[in-house]
């Protein structure tokens, strides 16, 4: 039976610095979208390996809450407004 490597072991094998909880890696890696794919340009090989290993694990995306009632109203309008009427042929 083979054992699954922990994220720390994967980072160590890749030669990357272990991730510290709460570390902001995006100061070292800039993300863009090209042809529908996320492209990361990193300052170092270690940062790119660390990012790749982190993305191979479960990814949690959080959306910050709006701060004002006006922002809430705008978001509600976007979420709950009916889409364009279908065109008749």
Protein backbone atom coordinates (compact mmCIF):
# COMPACT_ATOMS: atom_id res chain seq x y z
CA UNK A 1 0.00 0.00 0.00
CA UNK A 2 1.42 3.39 -0.94
CA UNK A 3 1.14 6.35 1.39
CA UNK A 4 -0.08 9.73 0.19
CA UNK A 5 2.45 12.52 0.68
CA UNK A 6 1.47 15.46 2.84
CA UNK A 7 1.60 18.96 1.27
CA UNK A 8 4.69 19.67 3.39
CA UNK A 9 6.42 16.55 2.04
CA UNK A 10 5.52 17.53 -1.53
CA UNK A 11 7.00 21.00 -0.99
CA UNK A 12 10.15 19.48 0.50
CA UNK A 13 10.56 17.10 -2.46
CA UNK A 14 10.02 19.99 -4.88
CA UNK A 15 12.70 22.00 -3.08
CA UNK A 16 10.26 24.77 -2.16
CA UNK A 17 10.08 26.60 1.14
CA UNK A 18 7.31 25.22 3.37
CA UNK A 19 4.19 27.36 3.34
CA UNK A 20 3.56 29.38 6.46
CA UNK A 21 -0.07 29.64 7.49
CA UNK A 22 -1.54 32.89 6.19
CA UNK A 23 1.42 33.62 3.88
CA UNK A 24 0.53 35.80 0.90
CA UNK A 25 2.18 34.17 -2.11
CA UNK A 26 0.69 36.61 -4.60
CA UNK A 27 3.36 39.17 -3.80
CA UNK A 28 5.76 36.73 -5.50
CA UNK A 29 3.40 35.39 -8.19
CA UNK A 30 1.22 37.57 -10.40
CA UNK A 31 -1.88 35.84 -11.80
CA UNK A 32 -3.46 36.69 -15.15
CA UNK A 33 -5.92 34.96 -17.46
CA UNK A 34 -4.91 34.05 -20.99
CA UNK A 35 -7.02 31.99 -23.39
CA UNK A 36 -9.30 30.99 -20.51
CA UNK A 37 -6.44 29.69 -18.34
CA UNK A 38 -4.82 31.10 -15.22
CA UNK A 39 -1.21 32.08 -15.93
CA UNK A 40 1.16 32.73 -13.02
CA UNK A 41 4.35 34.74 -13.43
CA UNK A 42 6.49 34.17 -10.34
CA UNK A 43 9.63 35.86 -9.06
CA UNK A 44 11.39 32.53 -8.37
CA UNK A 45 11.23 28.83 -9.16
CA UNK A 46 10.52 28.13 -5.48
CA UNK A 47 7.49 30.44 -5.51
CA UNK A 48 6.17 28.80 -8.69
CA UNK A 49 6.58 25.31 -7.19
CA UNK A 50 4.87 26.42 -4.00
CA UNK A 51 1.95 27.91 -5.94
CA UNK A 52 1.60 24.78 -8.10
CA UNK A 53 1.52 22.53 -5.06
CA UNK A 54 -0.99 24.75 -3.28
CA UNK A 55 -3.28 24.77 -6.33
CA UNK A 56 -3.06 20.97 -6.54
CA UNK A 57 -4.82 20.81 -3.16
CA UNK A 58 -8.38 21.92 -2.41
CA UNK A 59 -8.84 25.59 -3.30
CA UNK A 60 -11.24 27.78 -1.35
CA UNK A 61 -12.46 30.99 -2.97
CA UNK A 62 -14.08 33.54 -0.71
CA UNK A 63 -15.94 36.63 -1.82
CA UNK A 64 -15.75 39.60 0.49
CA UNK A 65 -19.11 40.94 1.61
CA UNK A 66 -20.24 44.34 0.36
CA UNK A 67 -19.76 47.06 2.97
CA UNK A 68 -22.67 49.40 2.26
CA UNK A 69 -26.37 49.00 1.56
CA UNK A 70 -25.83 50.57 -1.87
CA UNK A 71 -23.27 47.86 -2.74
CA UNK A 72 -25.69 45.20 -1.49
CA UNK A 73 -28.46 46.65 -3.67
CA UNK A 74 -26.21 46.65 -6.75
CA UNK A 75 -25.18 43.04 -6.14
CA UNK A 76 -28.78 41.97 -5.53
CA UNK A 77 -29.86 43.65 -8.78
CA UNK A 78 -27.15 41.79 -10.69
CA UNK A 79 -27.98 38.45 -9.08
CA UNK A 80 -31.75 38.61 -9.23
CA UNK A 81 -32.52 40.73 -12.28
CA UNK A 82 -34.05 38.77 -15.14
CA UNK A 83 -31.76 38.13 -18.07
CA UNK A 84 -32.46 39.41 -21.57
CA UNK A 85 -35.63 38.14 -23.18
CA UNK A 86 -35.01 35.31 -25.66
CA UNK A 87 -35.25 36.44 -29.28
CA UNK A 88 -38.05 34.94 -31.32
CA UNK A 89 -37.08 33.42 -34.63
